[in-house]
PDB file of all heavy atoms in Angstrom:
ATOM      1  N   GLY A   1       0.819  -1.214   0.000  1.00  0.00           N
ATOM      2  CA  GLY A   1       0.000   0.000   0.000  1.00  0.00           C
ATOM      3  C   GLY A   1       0.850   1.261   0.000  1.00  0.00           C
ATOM      4  O   GLY A   1       0.574   2.217  -0.738  1.00  0.00           O
ATOM      5  N   PHE A   2       1.882   1.252   0.792  1.00  0.00           N
ATOM      6  CA  PHE A   2       2.800   2.396   0.871  1.00  0.00           C
ATOM      7  C   PHE A   2       3.491   2.611  -0.476  1.00  0.00           C
ATOM      8  O   PHE A   2       3.554   3.730  -0.982  1.00  0.00           O
ATOM      9  CB  PHE A   2       3.840   2.133   1.970  1.00  0.00           C
ATOM     10  CG  PHE A   2       4.927   3.168   2.043  1.00  0.00           C
ATOM     11  CD1 PHE A   2       4.703   4.393   2.655  1.00  0.00           C
ATOM     12  CD2 PHE A   2       6.178   2.920   1.496  1.00  0.00           C
ATOM     13  CE1 PHE A   2       5.704   5.358   2.724  1.00  0.00           C
ATOM     14  CE2 PHE A   2       7.184   3.866   1.552  1.00  0.00           C
ATOM     15  CZ  PHE A   2       6.949   5.086   2.180  1.00  0.00           C
ATOM     16  N   TYR A   3       3.987   1.543  -1.061  1.00  0.00           N
ATOM     17  CA  TYR A   3       4.717   1.654  -2.316  1.00  0.00           C
ATOM     18  C   TYR A   3       3.804   2.006  -3.490  1.00  0.00           C
ATOM     19  O   TYR A   3       4.185   2.763  -4.372  1.00  0.00           O
ATOM     20  CB  TYR A   3       5.538   0.395  -2.585  1.00  0.00           C
ATOM     21  CG  TYR A   3       6.648   0.246  -1.560  1.00  0.00           C
ATOM     22  CD1 TYR A   3       6.676  -0.827  -0.683  1.00  0.00           C
ATOM     23  CD2 TYR A   3       7.640   1.208  -1.464  1.00  0.00           C
ATOM     24  CE1 TYR A   3       7.679  -0.943   0.262  1.00  0.00           C
ATOM     25  CE2 TYR A   3       8.642   1.102  -0.514  1.00  0.00           C
ATOM     26  CZ  TYR A   3       8.661   0.022   0.348  1.00  0.00           C
ATOM     27  OH  TYR A   3       9.652  -0.069   1.283  1.00  0.00           O
ATOM     28  N   ARG A   4       2.589   1.470  -3.487  1.00  0.00           N
ATOM     29  CA  ARG A   4       1.645   1.851  -4.537  1.00  0.00           C
ATOM     30  C   ARG A   4       1.290   3.335  -4.427  1.00  0.00           C
ATOM     31  O   ARG A   4       1.125   4.013  -5.447  1.00  0.00           O
ATOM     32  CB  ARG A   4       0.381   0.994  -4.463  1.00  0.00           C
ATOM     33  CG  ARG A   4       0.606  -0.415  -4.941  1.00  0.00           C
ATOM     34  CD  ARG A   4      -0.726  -1.170  -5.094  1.00  0.00           C
ATOM     35  NE  ARG A   4      -0.523  -2.593  -5.082  1.00  0.00           N
ATOM     36  CZ  ARG A   4       0.040  -3.305  -6.044  1.00  0.00           C
ATOM     37  NH1 ARG A   4       0.498  -2.690  -7.108  1.00  0.00           N
ATOM     38  NH2 ARG A   4       0.179  -4.607  -5.947  1.00  0.00           N
ATOM     39  N   ALA A   5       1.194   3.834  -3.203  1.00  0.00           N
ATOM     40  CA  ALA A   5       0.908   5.263  -3.006  1.00  0.00           C
ATOM     41  C   ALA A   5       2.047   6.122  -3.558  1.00  0.00           C
ATOM     42  O   ALA A   5       1.799   7.203  -4.125  1.00  0.00           O
ATOM     43  CB  ALA A   5       0.671   5.557  -1.527  1.00  0.00           C
ATOM     44  N   LYS A   6       3.273   5.676  -3.402  1.00  0.00           N
ATOM     45  CA  LYS A   6       4.418   6.408  -3.972  1.00  0.00           C
ATOM     46  C   LYS A   6       4.313   6.458  -5.493  1.00  0.00           C
ATOM     47  O   LYS A   6       4.517   7.508  -6.109  1.00  0.00           O
ATOM     48  CB  LYS A   6       5.750   5.761  -3.571  1.00  0.00           C
ATOM     49  CG  LYS A   6       6.099   5.913  -2.124  1.00  0.00           C
ATOM     50  CD  LYS A   6       6.438   7.346  -1.814  1.00  0.00           C
ATOM     51  CE  LYS A   6       6.875   7.473  -0.367  1.00  0.00           C
ATOM     52  NZ  LYS A   6       6.951   8.855   0.058  1.00  0.00           N
ATOM     53  N   ILE A   7       3.999   5.325  -6.094  1.00  0.00           N
ATOM     54  CA  ILE A   7       3.877   5.267  -7.548  1.00  0.00           C
ATOM     55  C   ILE A   7       2.711   6.133  -8.021  1.00  0.00           C
ATOM     56  O   ILE A   7       2.844   6.887  -8.996  1.00  0.00           O
ATOM     57  CB  ILE A   7       3.716   3.800  -8.018  1.00  0.00           C
ATOM     58  CG1 ILE A   7       4.996   3.012  -7.690  1.00  0.00           C
ATOM     59  CG2 ILE A   7       3.379   3.724  -9.502  1.00  0.00           C
ATOM     60  CD1 ILE A   7       4.843   1.505  -7.773  1.00  0.00           C
ATOM     61  N   ASP A   8       1.591   6.053  -7.304  1.00  0.00           N
ATOM     62  CA  ASP A   8       0.427   6.865  -7.677  1.00  0.00           C
ATOM     63  C   ASP A   8       0.721   8.358  -7.539  1.00  0.00           C
ATOM     64  O   ASP A   8       0.285   9.160  -8.365  1.00  0.00           O
ATOM     65  CB  ASP A   8      -0.778   6.494  -6.822  1.00  0.00           C
ATOM     66  CG  ASP A   8      -1.324   5.104  -7.136  1.00  0.00           C
ATOM     67  OD1 ASP A   8      -0.988   4.543  -8.201  1.00  0.00           O
ATOM     68  OD2 ASP A   8      -2.086   4.578  -6.296  1.00  0.00           O
ATOM     69  N   THR A   9       1.451   8.729  -6.511  1.00  0.00           N
ATOM     70  CA  THR A   9       1.791  10.141  -6.319  1.00  0.00           C
ATOM     71  C   THR A   9       2.761  10.612  -7.396  1.00  0.00           C
ATOM     72  O   THR A   9       2.646  11.734  -7.897  1.00  0.00           O
ATOM     73  CB  THR A   9       2.371  10.380  -4.911  1.00  0.00           C
ATOM     74  OG1 THR A   9       1.442   9.879  -3.938  1.00  0.00           O
ATOM     75  CG2 THR A   9       2.599  11.858  -4.655  1.00  0.00           C
ATOM     76  N   ALA A  10       3.685   9.761  -7.778  1.00  0.00           N
ATOM     77  CA  ALA A  10       4.602  10.099  -8.876  1.00  0.00           C
ATOM     78  C   ALA A  10       3.815  10.285 -10.172  1.00  0.00           C
ATOM     79  O   ALA A  10       4.084  11.217 -10.946  1.00  0.00           O
ATOM     80  CB  ALA A  10       5.660   9.013  -9.038  1.00  0.00           C
ATOM     81  N   ARG A  11       2.836   9.431 -10.406  1.00  0.00           N
ATOM     82  CA  ARG A  11       1.994   9.559 -11.600  1.00  0.00           C
ATOM     83  C   ARG A  11       1.203  10.874 -11.548  1.00  0.00           C
ATOM     84  O   ARG A  11       1.097  11.578 -12.547  1.00  0.00           O
ATOM     85  CB  ARG A  11       1.043   8.366 -11.714  1.00  0.00           C
ATOM     86  CG  ARG A  11       0.259   8.348 -13.013  1.00  0.00           C
ATOM     87  CD  ARG A  11      -0.619   7.095 -13.116  1.00  0.00           C
ATOM     88  NE  ARG A  11       0.101   5.859 -12.937  1.00  0.00           N
ATOM     89  CZ  ARG A  11       0.794   5.227 -13.881  1.00  0.00           C
ATOM     90  NH1 ARG A  11       0.864   5.745 -15.084  1.00  0.00           N
ATOM     91  NH2 ARG A  11       1.406   4.092 -13.620  1.00  0.00           N
ATOM     92  N   PHE A  12       0.663  11.202 -10.378  1.00  0.00           N
ATOM     93  CA  PHE A  12      -0.052  12.471 -10.218  1.00  0.00           C
ATOM     94  C   PHE A  12       0.875  13.646 -10.541  1.00  0.00           C
ATOM     95  O   PHE A  12       0.500  14.558 -11.279  1.00  0.00           O
ATOM     96  CB  PHE A  12      -0.587  12.609  -8.777  1.00  0.00           C
ATOM     97  CG  PHE A  12      -1.226  13.934  -8.508  1.00  0.00           C
ATOM     98  CD1 PHE A  12      -2.566  14.135  -8.770  1.00  0.00           C
ATOM     99  CD2 PHE A  12      -0.488  14.996  -7.996  1.00  0.00           C
ATOM    100  CE1 PHE A  12      -3.163  15.366  -8.532  1.00  0.00           C
ATOM    101  CE2 PHE A  12      -1.063  16.227  -7.761  1.00  0.00           C
ATOM    102  CZ  PHE A  12      -2.416  16.413  -8.025  1.00  0.00           C
ATOM    103  N   PHE A  13       2.077  13.616 -10.004  1.00  0.00           N
ATOM    104  CA  PHE A  13       3.040  14.684 -10.260  1.00  0.00           C
ATOM    105  C   PHE A  13       3.323  14.791 -11.758  1.00  0.00           C
ATOM    106  O   PHE A  13       3.336  15.891 -12.327  1.00  0.00           O
ATOM    107  CB  PHE A  13       4.340  14.437  -9.487  1.00  0.00           C
ATOM    108  CG  PHE A  13       5.295  15.588  -9.565  1.00  0.00           C
ATOM    109  CD1 PHE A  13       5.234  16.621  -8.653  1.00  0.00           C
ATOM    110  CD2 PHE A  13       6.252  15.656 -10.571  1.00  0.00           C
ATOM    111  CE1 PHE A  13       6.099  17.707  -8.739  1.00  0.00           C
ATOM    112  CE2 PHE A  13       7.112  16.727 -10.665  1.00  0.00           C
ATOM    113  CZ  PHE A  13       7.042  17.753  -9.745  1.00  0.00           C
ATOM    114  N   ALA A  14       3.522  13.645 -12.402  1.00  0.00           N
ATOM    115  CA  ALA A  14       3.849  13.631 -13.834  1.00  0.00           C
ATOM    116  C   ALA A  14       2.692  14.152 -14.688  1.00  0.00           C
ATOM    117  O   ALA A  14       2.920  14.862 -15.670  1.00  0.00           O
ATOM    118  CB  ALA A  14       4.226  12.218 -14.267  1.00  0.00           C
ATOM    119  N   GLU A  15       1.472  13.811 -14.308  1.00  0.00           N
ATOM    120  CA  GLU A  15       0.323  14.173 -15.137  1.00  0.00           C
ATOM    121  C   GLU A  15      -0.284  15.525 -14.787  1.00  0.00           C
ATOM    122  O   GLU A  15      -0.878  16.163 -15.649  1.00  0.00           O
ATOM    123  CB  GLU A  15      -0.752  13.088 -15.032  1.00  0.00           C
ATOM    124  CG  GLU A  15      -0.318  11.779 -15.664  1.00  0.00           C
ATOM    125  CD  GLU A  15      -1.352  10.671 -15.516  1.00  0.00           C
ATOM    126  OE1 GLU A  15      -2.472  10.928 -15.001  1.00  0.00           O
ATOM    127  OE2 GLU A  15      -1.044   9.535 -15.912  1.00  0.00           O
ATOM    128  N   ARG A  16      -0.154  15.964 -13.550  1.00  0.00           N
ATOM    129  CA  ARG A  16      -0.842  17.187 -13.128  1.00  0.00           C
ATOM    130  C   ARG A  16       0.089  18.369 -12.864  1.00  0.00           C
ATOM    131  O   ARG A  16      -0.336  19.515 -12.979  1.00  0.00           O
ATOM    132  CB  ARG A  16      -1.667  16.912 -11.864  1.00  0.00           C
ATOM    133  CG  ARG A  16      -2.704  15.814 -12.007  1.00  0.00           C
ATOM    134  CD  ARG A  16      -3.809  16.184 -12.924  1.00  0.00           C
ATOM    135  NE  ARG A  16      -4.437  17.390 -12.417  1.00  0.00           N
ATOM    136  CZ  ARG A  16      -5.528  17.925 -12.910  1.00  0.00           C
ATOM    137  NH1 ARG A  16      -6.122  17.363 -13.934  1.00  0.00           N
ATOM    138  NH2 ARG A  16      -6.031  19.018 -12.405  1.00  0.00           N
ATOM    139  N   LEU A  17       1.330  18.127 -12.515  1.00  0.00           N
ATOM    140  CA  LEU A  17       2.233  19.226 -12.170  1.00  0.00           C
ATOM    141  C   LEU A  17       3.315  19.456 -13.222  1.00  0.00           C
ATOM    142  O   LEU A  17       3.580  20.602 -13.588  1.00  0.00           O
ATOM    143  CB  LEU A  17       2.850  19.001 -10.790  1.00  0.00           C
ATOM    144  CG  LEU A  17       1.820  18.955  -9.658  1.00  0.00           C
ATOM    145  CD1 LEU A  17       2.472  18.583  -8.346  1.00  0.00           C
ATOM    146  CD2 LEU A  17       1.071  20.253  -9.536  1.00  0.00           C
ATOM    147  N   LEU A  18       3.941  18.409 -13.704  1.00  0.00           N
ATOM    148  CA  LEU A  18       4.988  18.593 -14.719  1.00  0.00           C
ATOM    149  C   LEU A  18       4.506  19.327 -15.974  1.00  0.00           C
ATOM    150  O   LEU A  18       5.281  20.080 -16.564  1.00  0.00           O
ATOM    151  CB  LEU A  18       5.624  17.261 -15.111  1.00  0.00           C
ATOM    152  CG  LEU A  18       6.835  16.834 -14.292  1.00  0.00           C
ATOM    153  CD1 LEU A  18       7.364  15.488 -14.783  1.00  0.00           C
ATOM    154  CD2 LEU A  18       7.926  17.871 -14.298  1.00  0.00           C
ATOM    155  N   PRO A  19       3.246  19.170 -16.395  1.00  0.00           N
ATOM    156  CA  PRO A  19       2.801  19.935 -17.561  1.00  0.00           C
ATOM    157  C   PRO A  19       2.900  21.456 -17.381  1.00  0.00           C
ATOM    158  O   PRO A  19       2.968  22.188 -18.363  1.00  0.00           O
ATOM    159  CB  PRO A  19       1.347  19.494 -17.756  1.00  0.00           C
ATOM    160  CG  PRO A  19       1.307  18.108 -17.201  1.00  0.00           C
ATOM    161  CD  PRO A  19       2.235  18.169 -15.997  1.00  0.00           C
ATOM    162  N   GLN A  20       2.933  21.911 -16.146  1.00  0.00           N
ATOM    163  CA  GLN A  20       3.068  23.351 -15.909  1.00  0.00           C
ATOM    164  C   GLN A  20       4.401  23.885 -16.421  1.00  0.00           C
ATOM    165  O   GLN A  20       4.548  25.085 -16.652  1.00  0.00           O
ATOM    166  CB  GLN A  20       2.908  23.659 -14.423  1.00  0.00           C
ATOM    167  CG  GLN A  20       1.507  23.384 -13.921  1.00  0.00           C
ATOM    168  CD  GLN A  20       1.346  23.672 -12.452  1.00  0.00           C
ATOM    169  OE1 GLN A  20       1.983  24.573 -11.909  1.00  0.00           O
ATOM    170  NE2 GLN A  20       0.493  22.915 -11.795  1.00  0.00           N
ATOM    171  N   THR A  21       5.358  22.997 -16.627  1.00  0.00           N
ATOM    172  CA  THR A  21       6.651  23.454 -17.141  1.00  0.00           C
ATOM    173  C   THR A  21       6.522  24.035 -18.542  1.00  0.00           C
ATOM    174  O   THR A  21       7.317  24.889 -18.929  1.00  0.00           O
ATOM    175  CB  THR A  21       7.703  22.318 -17.131  1.00  0.00           C
ATOM    176  OG1 THR A  21       7.287  21.268 -18.016  1.00  0.00           O
ATOM    177  CG2 THR A  21       7.928  21.789 -15.718  1.00  0.00           C
ATOM    178  N   GLY A  22       5.525  23.598 -19.288  1.00  0.00           N
ATOM    179  CA  GLY A  22       5.297  24.155 -20.617  1.00  0.00           C
ATOM    180  C   GLY A  22       4.914  25.626 -20.557  1.00  0.00           C
ATOM    181  O   GLY A  22       5.425  26.446 -21.328  1.00  0.00           O
ATOM    182  N   ALA A  23       4.025  25.969 -19.642  1.00  0.00           N
ATOM    183  CA  ALA A  23       3.615  27.364 -19.491  1.00  0.00           C
ATOM    184  C   ALA A  23       4.755  28.217 -18.943  1.00  0.00           C
ATOM    185  O   ALA A  23       4.967  29.354 -19.394  1.00  0.00           O
ATOM    186  CB  ALA A  23       2.399  27.457 -18.569  1.00  0.00           C
ATOM    187  N   LEU A  24       5.502  27.684 -17.999  1.00  0.00           N
ATOM    188  CA  LEU A  24       6.643  28.423 -17.452  1.00  0.00           C
ATOM    189  C   LEU A  24       7.677  28.671 -18.538  1.00  0.00           C
ATOM    190  O   LEU A  24       8.228  29.773 -18.655  1.00  0.00           O
ATOM    191  CB  LEU A  24       7.265  27.658 -16.283  1.00  0.00           C
ATOM    192  CG  LEU A  24       6.379  27.557 -15.043  1.00  0.00           C
ATOM    193  CD1 LEU A  24       6.949  26.535 -14.070  1.00  0.00           C
ATOM    194  CD2 LEU A  24       6.218  28.917 -14.374  1.00  0.00           C
ATOM    195  N   PHE A  25       7.924  27.671 -19.353  1.00  0.00           N
ATOM    196  CA  PHE A  25       8.867  27.807 -20.454  1.00  0.00           C
ATOM    197  C   PHE A  25       8.404  28.907 -21.418  1.00  0.00           C
ATOM    198  O   PHE A  25       9.197  29.755 -21.840  1.00  0.00           O
ATOM    199  CB  PHE A  25       9.020  26.474 -21.183  1.00  0.00           C
ATOM    200  CG  PHE A  25       9.916  26.536 -22.372  1.00  0.00           C
ATOM    201  CD1 PHE A  25      11.287  26.661 -22.232  1.00  0.00           C
ATOM    202  CD2 PHE A  25       9.393  26.475 -23.655  1.00  0.00           C
ATOM    203  CE1 PHE A  25      12.122  26.715 -23.344  1.00  0.00           C
ATOM    204  CE2 PHE A  25      10.213  26.523 -24.766  1.00  0.00           C
ATOM    205  CZ  PHE A  25      11.583  26.656 -24.610  1.00  0.00           C
ATOM    206  N   ALA A  26       7.125  28.903 -21.762  1.00  0.00           N
ATOM    207  CA  ALA A  26       6.594  29.921 -22.677  1.00  0.00           C
ATOM    208  C   ALA A  26       6.759  31.323 -22.094  1.00  0.00           C
ATOM    209  O   ALA A  26       7.122  32.264 -22.807  1.00  0.00           O
ATOM    210  CB  ALA A  26       5.120  29.638 -22.985  1.00  0.00           C
ATOM    211  N   SER A  27       6.519  31.466 -20.802  1.00  0.00           N
ATOM    212  CA  SER A  27       6.692  32.774 -20.156  1.00  0.00           C
ATOM    213  C   SER A  27       8.147  33.223 -20.189  1.00  0.00           C
ATOM    214  O   SER A  27       8.440  34.389 -20.461  1.00  0.00           O
ATOM    215  CB  SER A  27       6.208  32.722 -18.706  1.00  0.00           C
ATOM    216  OG  SER A  27       4.820  32.534 -18.658  1.00  0.00           O
ATOM    217  N   ILE A  28       9.044  32.311 -19.923  1.00  0.00           N
ATOM    218  CA  ILE A  28      10.474  32.634 -19.950  1.00  0.00           C
ATOM    219  C   ILE A  28      10.886  33.059 -21.353  1.00  0.00           C
ATOM    220  O   ILE A  28      11.575  34.065 -21.541  1.00  0.00           O
ATOM    221  CB  ILE A  28      11.309  31.427 -19.473  1.00  0.00           C
ATOM    222  CG1 ILE A  28      11.079  31.184 -17.977  1.00  0.00           C
ATOM    223  CG2 ILE A  28      12.789  31.629 -19.776  1.00  0.00           C
ATOM    224  CD1 ILE A  28      11.569  29.837 -17.480  1.00  0.00           C
ATOM    225  N   MET A  29      10.445  32.319 -22.344  1.00  0.00           N
ATOM    226  CA  MET A  29      10.838  32.596 -23.719  1.00  0.00           C
ATOM    227  C   MET A  29      10.230  33.891 -24.249  1.00  0.00           C
ATOM    228  O   MET A  29      10.738  34.470 -25.212  1.00  0.00           O
ATOM    229  CB  MET A  29      10.468  31.421 -24.624  1.00  0.00           C
ATOM    230  CG  MET A  29      11.164  30.114 -24.246  1.00  0.00           C
ATOM    231  SD  MET A  29      12.959  30.230 -24.105  1.00  0.00           S
ATOM    232  CE  MET A  29      13.391  30.166 -25.824  1.00  0.00           C
ATOM    233  N   ALA A  30       9.161  34.370 -23.616  1.00  0.00           N
ATOM    234  CA  ALA A  30       8.537  35.627 -24.043  1.00  0.00           C
ATOM    235  C   ALA A  30       9.459  36.819 -23.807  1.00  0.00           C
ATOM    236  O   ALA A  30       9.311  37.857 -24.442  1.00  0.00           O
ATOM    237  CB  ALA A  30       7.207  35.824 -23.324  1.00  0.00           C
ATOM    238  N   GLY A  31      10.400  36.664 -22.904  1.00  0.00           N
ATOM    239  CA  GLY A  31      11.370  37.723 -22.662  1.00  0.00           C
ATOM    240  C   GLY A  31      10.835  38.836 -21.776  1.00  0.00           C
ATOM    241  O   GLY A  31       9.769  38.740 -21.182  1.00  0.00           O
ATOM    242  N   SER A  32      11.581  39.908 -21.726  1.00  0.00           N
ATOM    243  CA  SER A  32      11.294  40.997 -20.789  1.00  0.00           C
ATOM    244  C   SER A  32      10.510  42.156 -21.392  1.00  0.00           C
ATOM    245  O   SER A  32      10.069  43.037 -20.666  1.00  0.00           O
ATOM    246  CB  SER A  32      12.607  41.537 -20.214  1.00  0.00           C
ATOM    247  OG  SER A  32      13.359  42.173 -21.235  1.00  0.00           O
ATOM    248  N   LYS A  33      10.322  42.162 -22.692  1.00  0.00           N
ATOM    249  CA  LYS A  33       9.751  43.339 -23.354  1.00  0.00           C
ATOM    250  C   LYS A  33       8.395  43.752 -22.778  1.00  0.00           C
ATOM    251  O   LYS A  33       8.189  44.921 -22.450  1.00  0.00           O
ATOM    252  CB  LYS A  33       9.635  43.099 -24.857  1.00  0.00           C
ATOM    253  CG  LYS A  33       9.181  44.317 -25.623  1.00  0.00           C
ATOM    254  CD  LYS A  33       9.156  44.068 -27.117  1.00  0.00           C
ATOM    255  CE  LYS A  33       8.699  45.336 -27.829  1.00  0.00           C
ATOM    256  NZ  LYS A  33       8.631  45.134 -29.265  1.00  0.00           N
TER     257      LYS A  33
END
């Protein structure tokens, strides 16, 4: 149960949080203008 929870939480992070890196990247690339 403990180990499955770790895997499930990693999956949650991968599917729900890591995609935010796309928006952060776009903001960074927009520059300072």
